[in-house]
Protein backbone atom coordinates (compact mmCIF):
# COMPACT_ATOMS: atom_id res chain seq x y z
CA MET A 1 -0.04 -0.18 0.22
CA LYS A 2 1.08 3.33 -1.28
CA SER A 3 1.20 7.03 -0.57
CA ILE A 4 -1.23 9.62 0.64
CA VAL A 5 -1.44 14.03 0.93
CA ALA A 6 -3.25 17.57 3.42
CA LEU A 7 -4.38 17.14 4.96
CA ILE A 8 -2.25 13.56 3.61
CA PHE A 9 -4.13 10.89 2.78
CA LEU A 10 -1.22 8.51 1.94
CA PHE A 11 -2.26 5.27 1.23
CA SER A 12 -1.21 3.07 -1.17
CA PRO A 13 -4.14 1.05 -1.71
CA PHE A 14 -3.50 1.00 2.18
CA LEU A 15 -1.16 3.30 3.70
CA ILE A 16 -2.86 6.55 5.02
CA SER A 17 -0.37 9.34 6.11
CA PHE A 18 -3.04 12.35 7.41
CA GLN A 19 -0.83 14.91 8.99
CA SER A 20 -0.15 18.52 9.52
CA ASN A 21 1.64 20.84 7.73
CA LYS A 22 3.89 22.06 10.39
CA GLN A 23 7.78 21.81 10.37
CA PHE A 24 10.12 20.77 12.91
CA ILE A 25 7.48 21.80 15.69
CA LYS A 26 6.67 19.65 18.18
CA PRO A 27 2.86 19.66 19.15
CA VAL A 28 1.72 19.42 22.49
CA GLY A 29 1.23 15.72 23.58
CA ASP A 30 2.97 14.43 20.63
CA SER A 31 4.53 11.15 22.35
CA ILE A 32 6.08 8.13 21.45
CA HIS A 33 4.18 6.38 23.97
CA TYR A 34 0.60 7.86 25.26
CA SER A 35 -0.41 7.09 29.05
CA ARG A 36 -3.71 5.18 27.83
CA GLU A 37 -1.89 2.84 25.72
CA LYS A 38 -2.32 0.22 28.66
CA HIS A 39 -1.44 -2.95 26.17
CA PHE A 40 1.75 -1.32 24.95
CA LYS A 41 5.52 -1.75 26.70
CA ASN A 42 8.72 -0.60 25.92
CA VAL A 43 7.68 1.45 22.10
CA ARG A 44 10.38 1.18 20.18
CA GLN A 45 10.81 3.73 16.67
CA LEU A 46 11.88 1.88 13.87
CA THR A 47 11.91 4.43 11.15
CA PHE A 48 12.55 8.07 11.31
CA GLY A 49 11.42 10.20 8.41
CA ALA A 50 9.21 9.87 5.11
CA ASP A 51 6.29 7.70 4.55
CA ASN A 52 7.39 3.96 6.25
CA ALA A 53 3.84 1.38 6.28
CA GLU A 54 2.47 -1.91 6.01
CA ALA A 55 5.37 -3.40 8.18
CA TYR A 56 4.86 -7.12 8.63
CA TRP A 57 7.03 -9.85 10.57
CA SER A 58 9.37 -12.57 9.08
CA PHE A 59 8.01 -16.19 10.30
CA ASP A 60 10.47 -16.47 12.98
CA GLY A 61 9.95 -13.20 14.42
CA LYS A 62 13.27 -11.69 13.75
CA HIS A 63 12.88 -9.54 10.34
CA ILE A 64 10.24 -7.20 9.23
CA SER A 65 9.33 -6.31 5.62
CA PHE A 66 7.91 -2.96 5.20
CA GLN A 67 7.51 -0.24 2.20
CA SER A 68 8.83 3.38 2.31
CA ASN A 69 9.16 6.54 -0.21
CA ASN A 70 12.14 7.84 1.61
CA LYS A 71 13.52 10.28 -0.58
CA ASP A 72 17.05 9.90 1.18
CA TRP A 73 17.00 6.69 -0.04
CA GLY A 74 16.79 8.16 -3.27
CA LEU A 75 12.78 6.88 -3.83
CA SER A 76 9.93 8.71 -5.67
CA CYS A 77 7.69 6.59 -4.66
CA ASP A 78 6.97 3.43 -2.50
CA GLN A 79 9.71 0.79 -2.62
CA ILE A 80 10.27 -2.57 -0.35
CA PHE A 81 13.14 -2.96 2.22
CA TYR A 82 13.57 -5.42 4.91
CA MET A 83 15.81 -5.45 8.30
CA PRO A 84 16.16 -7.36 11.38
CA ILE A 85 14.09 -6.16 14.21
CA ASP A 86 16.73 -5.75 16.71
CA GLY A 87 20.20 -4.29 16.10
CA MET A 88 19.76 -1.58 13.08
CA ASP A 89 19.25 1.67 13.63
CA LEU A 90 18.06 3.73 10.86
CA ASN A 91 18.24 6.80 12.76
CA ASN A 92 21.77 6.74 12.13
CA GLY A 93 21.20 7.19 8.29
CA ILE A 94 22.07 3.52 7.43
CA LYS A 95 19.58 2.10 4.54
CA PRO A 96 18.02 -1.21 5.24
CA GLN A 97 18.14 -4.03 2.34
CA LEU A 98 16.12 -2.71 -0.94
CA ILE A 99 14.08 -5.98 -2.16
CA SER A 100 12.02 -4.54 -4.99
CA THR A 101 13.69 -3.57 -8.11
CA GLY A 102 13.55 0.10 -7.45
CA MET A 103 11.19 0.69 -10.69
CA GLY A 104 7.55 1.53 -10.86
CA ARG A 105 5.29 1.31 -7.46
CA THR A 106 5.23 -1.29 -5.09
CA THR A 107 3.15 -2.37 -2.07
CA CYS A 108 2.17 -5.35 0.37
CA ALA A 109 5.26 -7.04 1.19
CA PHE A 110 4.93 -10.41 3.07
CA PHE A 111 7.64 -12.92 4.08
CA LEU A 112 7.41 -16.65 2.94
CA PRO A 113 7.85 -19.23 5.48
CA ASN A 114 11.32 -20.15 4.43
CA GLY A 115 12.36 -16.63 5.37
CA LYS A 116 14.26 -16.11 2.26
CA SER A 117 11.95 -14.96 0.35
CA ILE A 118 9.51 -11.93 0.36
CA LEU A 119 6.47 -11.38 -1.99
CA TYR A 120 5.36 -8.22 -3.23
CA ALA A 121 3.04 -6.31 -5.39
CA SER A 122 4.77 -4.06 -8.22
CA THR A 123 3.82 -2.16 -11.03
CA HIS A 124 7.33 -2.02 -12.69
CA LEU A 125 5.94 -4.25 -15.79
CA GLY A 126 4.00 -1.54 -16.83
CA GLY A 127 6.82 0.93 -16.50
CA LYS A 128 9.91 2.14 -15.23
CA GLU A 129 8.64 5.45 -13.64
CA CYS A 130 6.17 6.01 -10.77
CA PRO A 131 2.51 5.53 -12.05
CA LYS A 132 0.79 8.82 -11.90
CA ASP A 133 -1.18 9.61 -8.58
CA VAL A 134 -4.84 10.68 -8.30
CA GLU A 135 -4.96 14.35 -8.93
CA ARG A 136 -6.66 15.89 -5.40
CA THR A 137 -9.51 18.12 -5.81
CA PRO A 138 -10.25 20.60 -2.87
CA GLY A 139 -13.02 19.53 -1.17
CA GLY A 140 -13.34 16.61 -3.79
CA LYS A 141 -13.79 12.68 -2.17
CA TYR A 142 -10.97 10.87 -1.44
CA LEU A 143 -9.89 8.47 -4.11
CA TRP A 144 -7.71 5.51 -3.98
CA PRO A 145 -5.52 4.42 -7.41
CA ILE A 146 -6.15 1.03 -8.75
CA TYR A 147 -3.13 0.11 -10.69
CA ASP A 148 -3.89 -2.51 -13.42
CA SER A 149 -0.13 -2.76 -13.83
CA TYR A 150 0.18 -3.83 -10.19
CA ASP A 151 1.28 -7.87 -10.13
CA ILE A 152 2.56 -9.92 -7.57
CA PHE A 153 6.34 -11.35 -7.16
CA VAL A 154 8.45 -13.01 -5.12
CA ALA A 155 12.39 -11.83 -4.79
CA ASP A 156 15.22 -13.45 -2.77
CA LEU A 157 16.46 -11.21 0.20
CA SER A 158 19.02 -9.82 -1.97
CA GLY A 159 16.21 -8.23 -4.35
CA LYS A 160 16.14 -10.82 -7.08
CA ILE A 161 12.93 -11.61 -8.61
CA THR A 162 12.70 -15.54 -8.67
CA LYS A 163 9.08 -15.44 -9.42
CA GLN A 164 5.54 -14.07 -10.53
CA LEU A 165 2.95 -15.24 -8.85
CA THR A 166 0.00 -13.55 -11.17
CA ARG A 167 -0.08 -12.26 -14.76
CA SER A 168 -3.99 -11.66 -15.08
CA THR A 169 -5.16 -8.39 -16.57
CA GLY A 170 -5.79 -5.95 -13.94
CA TYR A 171 -4.83 -5.04 -10.26
CA ASP A 172 -3.35 -8.11 -8.45
CA ALA A 173 -2.14 -6.97 -4.99
CA GLU A 174 -2.43 -6.72 -1.37
CA ALA A 175 -1.10 -10.34 -1.01
CA THR A 176 -0.44 -12.05 2.89
CA VAL A 177 0.41 -15.43 3.60
CA SER A 178 -1.10 -17.93 5.75
CA PRO A 179 0.68 -18.81 9.21
CA LYS A 180 0.30 -22.40 8.02
CA GLY A 181 2.77 -21.55 5.14
CA ASP A 182 0.35 -23.00 2.54
CA LYS A 183 -1.78 -20.22 1.20
CA ILE A 184 -1.54 -16.94 0.19
CA ILE A 185 -4.49 -14.60 0.27
CA PHE A 186 -4.96 -11.26 -2.40
CA THR A 187 -7.04 -8.91 -4.06
CA SER A 188 -7.83 -9.12 -7.42
CA THR A 189 -10.11 -6.99 -10.28
CA ARG A 190 -9.70 -9.98 -12.91
CA ASN A 191 -13.64 -10.36 -12.32
CA GLY A 192 -14.20 -6.96 -12.90
CA ASP A 193 -14.36 -6.20 -9.13
CA LEU A 194 -12.34 -6.02 -6.46
CA ASP A 195 -13.12 -9.58 -4.78
CA LEU A 196 -10.71 -11.68 -2.36
CA TYR A 197 -8.53 -14.90 -4.15
CA VAL A 198 -6.68 -17.56 -2.25
CA MET A 199 -3.84 -19.76 -4.26
CA ASP A 200 -1.50 -22.31 -3.57
CA THR A 201 2.53 -20.13 -2.45
CA ASN A 202 3.47 -21.11 -5.70
CA GLY A 203 0.58 -19.18 -7.46
CA GLU A 204 -1.09 -22.37 -8.43
CA ASN A 205 -4.85 -23.14 -7.71
CA VAL A 206 -6.35 -20.12 -7.81
CA LYS A 207 -9.74 -19.48 -6.00
CA GLN A 208 -12.17 -16.57 -5.77
CA ILE A 209 -13.73 -16.55 -1.89
CA THR A 210 -15.77 -13.43 -2.04
CA HIS A 211 -18.28 -12.44 -4.65
CA GLU A 212 -20.28 -9.65 -3.00
CA LEU A 213 -20.37 -6.09 -5.21
CA GLY A 214 -17.88 -4.04 -3.37
CA TYR A 215 -14.35 -3.25 -2.34
CA ASP A 216 -12.81 -6.79 -0.64
CA GLY A 217 -8.94 -5.99 0.64
CA GLY A 218 -6.42 -5.93 3.12
CA ALA A 219 -7.25 -9.53 4.12
CA PHE A 220 -5.40 -11.98 6.68
CA PHE A 221 -5.62 -15.17 8.21
CA SER A 222 -6.55 -16.15 11.35
CA PRO A 223 -3.80 -17.54 13.52
CA ASP A 224 -5.10 -21.26 12.80
CA GLY A 225 -4.90 -20.49 9.04
CA LYS A 226 -8.98 -21.51 8.48
CA LYS A 227 -10.27 -17.74 8.65
CA ILE A 228 -9.71 -14.79 7.27
CA VAL A 229 -10.12 -10.88 8.57
CA PHE A 230 -10.87 -8.32 5.69
CA ARG A 231 -12.08 -4.80 5.08
CA ALA A 232 -14.73 -4.04 2.69
CA SER A 233 -17.34 -1.66 1.05
CA ARG A 234 -21.16 -2.37 0.93
CA PHE A 235 -23.51 -0.16 -0.66
CA LYS A 236 -27.19 1.08 0.69
CA SER A 237 -28.38 2.67 -2.48
CA ASP A 238 -28.49 2.32 -5.84
CA GLU A 239 -26.42 5.50 -6.47
CA GLU A 240 -23.64 4.34 -4.02
CA LYS A 241 -23.21 1.19 -6.26
CA LYS A 242 -23.16 3.09 -9.13
CA GLU A 243 -20.47 5.86 -8.00
CA TYR A 244 -18.48 2.47 -7.20
CA LEU A 245 -18.92 1.05 -10.41
CA ASP A 246 -17.94 4.11 -12.54
CA TYR A 247 -14.73 4.91 -9.94
CA LEU A 248 -13.62 1.26 -10.42
CA LYS A 249 -13.86 1.74 -14.36
CA GLN A 250 -11.64 4.90 -14.01
CA GLY A 251 -8.93 2.38 -11.93
CA LEU A 252 -10.58 4.40 -8.82
CA VAL A 253 -11.79 3.46 -5.43
CA ALA A 254 -13.53 5.63 -2.52
CA PRO A 255 -12.36 3.84 0.64
CA ILE A 256 -14.08 6.48 3.03
CA ALA A 257 -16.93 3.61 4.08
CA MET A 258 -15.68 0.23 5.03
CA GLU A 259 -16.45 -2.19 7.91
CA ILE A 260 -14.46 -5.32 9.20
CA PHE A 261 -15.76 -8.83 8.20
CA THR A 262 -14.72 -12.28 8.38
CA ARG A 263 -14.81 -15.49 6.11
CA ASN A 264 -13.59 -19.15 6.21
CA VAL A 265 -10.83 -19.33 3.81
CA ASP A 266 -13.46 -21.86 1.53
CA GLY A 267 -15.45 -18.91 1.31
CA SER A 268 -18.93 -19.62 3.17
CA ASP A 269 -19.92 -18.48 6.39
CA LEU A 270 -19.38 -14.34 5.88
CA LYS A 271 -19.60 -12.21 9.29
CA GLN A 272 -19.63 -8.83 9.48
CA ILE A 273 -17.65 -7.82 12.53
CA THR A 274 -17.97 -3.88 12.97
CA ASN A 275 -20.80 -1.52 11.85
CA LEU A 276 -19.32 1.56 12.90
CA GLY A 277 -19.68 4.10 9.74
CA LYS A 278 -16.82 5.61 8.42
CA ALA A 279 -13.34 4.12 7.52
CA ASN A 280 -12.72 0.91 9.41
CA TRP A 281 -10.17 -0.94 8.20
CA ALA A 282 -6.26 -2.95 8.02
CA PRO A 283 -8.02 -5.95 10.46
CA PHE A 284 -5.26 -7.96 11.83
CA TYR A 285 -6.06 -11.28 14.20
CA HIS A 286 -4.96 -11.14 17.85
CA PRO A 287 -2.85 -14.37 18.66
CA SER A 288 -6.04 -16.03 20.61
CA GLY A 289 -7.98 -15.79 17.64
CA LYS A 290 -10.81 -14.52 19.26
CA LYS A 291 -10.54 -11.09 18.98
CA ILE A 292 -9.58 -8.58 15.87
CA ILE A 293 -7.29 -5.03 15.94
CA PHE A 294 -8.20 -2.74 13.56
CA SER A 295 -7.88 0.82 12.46
CA SER A 296 -10.74 3.54 12.66
CA ASN A 297 -11.60 6.82 12.20
CA TYR A 298 -15.48 6.28 13.90
CA LYS A 299 -14.88 8.55 16.85
CA GLY A 300 -12.64 11.27 15.21
CA LYS A 301 -14.18 14.66 14.38
CA ARG A 302 -11.97 14.85 11.04
CA GLY A 303 -11.83 12.13 8.95
CA PHE A 304 -8.39 11.77 9.44
CA GLU A 305 -8.35 10.70 13.12
CA PHE A 306 -7.40 7.18 12.90
CA ASN A 307 -6.66 4.85 15.68
CA LEU A 308 -6.26 1.18 16.81
CA PHE A 309 -9.17 -0.74 18.12
CA MET A 310 -9.72 -4.34 19.22
CA ILE A 311 -13.24 -6.32 19.31
CA ASN A 312 -14.21 -10.04 19.92
CA GLU A 313 -14.75 -11.88 16.98
CA ASP A 314 -18.51 -11.75 17.80
CA GLY A 315 -18.68 -8.06 17.49
CA SER A 316 -18.73 -7.51 21.22
CA GLU A 317 -16.27 -5.42 23.58
CA LEU A 318 -15.11 -2.74 21.53
CA GLU A 319 -11.82 -1.38 22.81
CA GLN A 320 -9.85 1.51 21.84
CA ILE A 321 -5.90 0.38 21.90
CA THR A 322 -4.18 3.98 20.44
CA TYR A 323 -4.35 7.60 21.34
CA ASP A 324 -2.67 9.36 18.60
CA LYS A 325 -4.30 12.80 17.59
CA VAL A 326 -3.32 11.80 14.08
CA PHE A 327 -3.08 8.42 12.32
CA ASP A 328 -2.01 4.88 13.56
CA SER A 329 -2.78 1.97 11.26
CA PHE A 330 -1.23 -0.96 10.40
CA PRO A 331 -1.24 -3.36 13.18
CA MET A 332 0.73 -7.03 13.16
CA PHE A 333 0.97 -9.35 15.94
CA SER A 334 4.39 -11.28 16.19
CA PRO A 335 4.21 -14.80 15.50
CA ASP A 336 4.76 -15.79 19.26
CA GLY A 337 1.85 -12.82 20.20
CA LYS A 338 4.73 -11.20 22.50
CA LYS A 339 5.22 -8.07 20.47
CA ILE A 340 3.02 -5.87 17.76
CA LEU A 341 4.13 -3.35 14.89
CA PHE A 342 2.38 -0.18 13.82
CA SER A 343 2.46 2.82 11.75
CA SER A 344 1.65 5.90 13.29
CA ASN A 345 2.51 9.82 13.03
CA ARG A 346 3.48 10.12 16.17
CA ASN A 347 6.26 11.49 17.61
CA ASN A 348 6.80 13.02 13.76
CA ARG A 349 7.68 16.88 15.38
CA GLY A 350 4.57 18.15 13.35
CA THR A 351 5.82 16.78 9.90
CA ARG A 352 4.24 14.67 7.59
CA ASN A 353 6.46 11.50 8.35
CA THR A 354 4.51 8.08 9.02
CA ASN A 355 7.19 5.78 11.02
CA LEU A 356 6.81 2.33 12.26
CA PHE A 357 6.87 1.31 15.59
CA VAL A 358 7.35 -2.17 17.92
CA ALA A 359 6.25 -2.54 21.36
CA ASP A 360 5.65 -5.43 23.78
CA TRP A 361 1.91 -6.49 23.63
CA ILE A 362 0.00 -6.71 27.70
CA ASP A 363 -3.16 -8.53 27.00
C-alpha cells in the first residue's frame, strides 16, 4: 500500500498518512507512547522520516518487511525493504536492504515461511517510472488509485525476482501468507470487481472466495489459518453502487466507508464484525484467534483521525488501543504474540512523516 497528501491520506492502496503542515515544531502531546495505551510496553521507533508503513513480521519474528518512499534513499514512490527487528538503527543514516526493483510503485510485502523470500506487488512491468497519482480536488472525495499494472512477485533477500505469481489483466495486490505457510490471499480485479482470492504459495490453484459487489481487500489469515479477516465496502443504495462501479472503471476507489468482515478460507460463513460507519480497515487477528485489532476513524471529528481498536470476533466489547491524535494503523502481532508492529504519525515533530513502531504487547 502506497502513498497519501494534506491533509495527507497517503495510502497506496493502504497506507494512510494524514499529517499536519507544520515543520519541525513538536506539537503539544506528541509522544512515542501515550499514557492510556495500556496494552503497549517498551515502545520503540524503527524509522525516522518520510512515509513508512505496512510492516510485517518474518515467520521467525526476527525481521520485518515494509514499504517506504524515503527521498533520502533515492526514492520517488514506495519501494520494499527488509531489516532485522533488532540491531539496526535507521536514525543514524543507515539504509535497509532494498527488495523491490526500484522501478514503478510497490506495495504489500510479506515473508514466505522459508524466511529467504518476500512476496510483494509491483507496477514495474507497466513502466519504470512511478505511476501517476490521483489528482486531489479541494473539497472532493478522497480516492485511491487501483493500478491495473500491479502484479505479485517473489524475490530473494538480495532483491532478485525468483517468480511472478500473477499474470492476469488488472489489479493484483494486497497479498499475505497463511500462518500455516500453505496459502496466499490477495485482492484482484480480474472479474471486474475488487474481490479476494486464495492460491497456493507457488501461484497455482487460484480460487475466488468473495463474490459480493464492493471493495474486498487488506485480508489476513487467522492464527490457525482457517479464517480470514478483511475490510469491505457495501452499499445502501443504487446510487452508491453506481458511483463505486463508475470509479472502478477509472481505476479508482473511494475508501471512506468500510467495515470489518470475516470468512472461512473456503469462502463460507461470511460475518460482518463492525458496524461503526466511516472507514474501518487494516484488521489483524489477535494471537488468541478470538479478537481482531483494526484501524478506524469512527470516533474522530475529522476524517483523518485514525486509532487502533480491538473487538471480539462476535462484534462485542470494542476497546480503543491507541490514542495518537492523527494516525495509527497497520497493526500486526509477532508470530509468538509477544510484540506488535504498527505505523503512526506520533513523534514526528509536526512533520508529515509516518513511521514504524514496535512494542511489547500486554493483554
